[in-house]
């Protein structure tokens, strides 16, 4: 059983590196955000498998906290990109520059 879990962890590590490569190479911000989200999901899976492999239950708590932080980060990034593409961020920056002058 330990060999299967170790093989799964190696497989997840390879997938994380492939997603990291795609995130660095991705032509658009949306591709990069999706790759970062996939990396976070794979990391949570890796931590859960590591918890079973090491027989330590506290690692599951760490995986839960990491998944919540990852979710919040993706929501914030999506909101920022949406506001930028709608022009709100540029509009606010221009107004602040006009106020300074």
Protein backbone atom coordinates (compact mmCIF):
# COMPACT_ATOMS: atom_id res chain seq x y z
CA UNK A 1 0.00 0.00 0.00
CA UNK A 2 2.86 2.39 0.83
CA UNK A 3 4.36 1.89 -2.63
CA UNK A 4 1.08 2.83 -4.30
CA UNK A 5 0.78 5.98 -2.19
CA UNK A 6 4.39 6.91 -2.94
CA UNK A 7 3.74 6.40 -6.66
CA UNK A 8 0.67 8.64 -6.46
CA UNK A 9 2.72 11.37 -4.77
CA UNK A 10 5.35 11.20 -7.52
CA UNK A 11 2.62 11.36 -10.17
CA UNK A 12 1.03 14.40 -8.51
CA UNK A 13 4.45 16.08 -8.30
CA UNK A 14 4.99 15.60 -12.03
CA UNK A 15 1.53 17.00 -12.76
CA UNK A 16 2.28 20.04 -10.58
CA UNK A 17 5.48 20.76 -12.50
CA UNK A 18 3.64 20.43 -15.82
CA UNK A 19 0.99 22.86 -14.61
CA UNK A 20 3.68 25.23 -13.40
CA UNK A 21 5.27 25.15 -16.85
CA UNK A 22 1.90 25.92 -18.45
CA UNK A 23 1.30 28.73 -15.96
CA UNK A 24 4.63 30.32 -16.81
CA UNK A 25 4.16 29.85 -20.55
CA UNK A 26 0.40 30.48 -20.78
CA UNK A 27 -0.53 33.19 -23.24
CA UNK A 28 -3.42 34.63 -21.21
CA UNK A 29 -4.10 35.51 -17.60
CA UNK A 30 -7.05 33.13 -17.53
CA UNK A 31 -4.80 30.20 -18.47
CA UNK A 32 -2.42 31.16 -15.70
CA UNK A 33 -5.18 31.49 -13.10
CA UNK A 34 -6.61 28.09 -14.00
CA UNK A 35 -3.16 26.49 -13.79
CA UNK A 36 -2.53 28.03 -10.39
CA UNK A 37 -5.90 26.73 -9.22
CA UNK A 38 -5.07 23.24 -10.53
CA UNK A 39 -1.68 23.34 -8.77
CA UNK A 40 -3.41 24.22 -5.50
CA UNK A 41 -5.87 21.36 -5.94
CA UNK A 42 -3.03 18.94 -6.67
CA UNK A 43 -1.17 20.21 -3.61
CA UNK A 44 -4.20 19.55 -1.40
CA UNK A 45 -4.45 16.04 -2.85
CA UNK A 46 -0.72 15.54 -2.25
CA UNK A 47 -1.05 16.63 1.39
CA UNK A 48 -3.98 14.26 1.94
CA UNK A 49 -2.09 11.32 0.43
CA UNK A 50 0.94 12.28 2.54
CA UNK A 51 -1.31 12.23 5.59
CA UNK A 52 -2.29 8.63 4.87
CA UNK A 53 1.30 7.69 3.98
CA UNK A 54 2.74 9.08 7.23
CA UNK A 55 -0.35 8.18 9.28
CA UNK A 56 -0.58 11.73 10.65
CA UNK A 57 -4.09 13.16 10.86
CA UNK A 58 -3.07 16.79 11.45
CA UNK A 59 -2.01 17.05 7.80
CA UNK A 60 -5.66 16.85 6.77
CA UNK A 61 -6.32 20.02 8.77
CA UNK A 62 -3.45 21.72 6.96
CA UNK A 63 -4.92 20.60 3.63
CA UNK A 64 -8.30 22.09 4.56
CA UNK A 65 -6.78 25.43 5.52
CA UNK A 66 -4.69 25.48 2.35
CA UNK A 67 -7.74 24.76 0.20
CA UNK A 68 -9.68 27.61 1.81
CA UNK A 69 -6.80 30.04 1.28
CA UNK A 70 -6.46 28.89 -2.31
CA UNK A 71 -10.16 29.43 -2.94
CA UNK A 72 -10.04 32.94 -1.50
CA UNK A 73 -6.97 33.79 -3.57
CA UNK A 74 -8.65 32.65 -6.78
CA UNK A 75 -11.79 34.63 -5.98
CA UNK A 76 -9.76 37.79 -5.34
CA UNK A 77 -7.71 37.34 -8.51
CA UNK A 78 -10.83 36.76 -10.59
CA UNK A 79 -12.40 39.89 -9.14
CA UNK A 80 -9.32 41.98 -9.91
CA UNK A 81 -9.09 40.69 -13.48
CA UNK A 82 -12.82 41.26 -14.01
CA UNK A 83 -12.62 44.84 -12.75
CA UNK A 84 -9.56 45.48 -14.89
CA UNK A 85 -11.23 44.20 -18.04
CA UNK A 86 -14.36 46.22 -17.31
CA UNK A 87 -12.22 49.32 -17.00
CA UNK A 88 -13.02 50.14 -13.39
CA UNK A 89 -9.44 49.87 -12.15
CA UNK A 90 -8.13 52.12 -14.92
CA UNK A 91 -10.93 54.60 -14.25
CA UNK A 92 -10.08 54.80 -10.54
CA UNK A 93 -6.37 55.21 -11.27
CA UNK A 94 -7.06 58.06 -13.69
CA UNK A 95 -9.32 59.83 -11.18
CA UNK A 96 -6.66 59.55 -8.48
CA UNK A 97 -4.04 60.97 -10.86
CA UNK A 98 -6.36 63.87 -11.74
CA UNK A 99 -6.91 64.61 -8.05
CA UNK A 100 -3.15 64.73 -7.45
CA UNK A 101 -2.60 67.22 -10.28
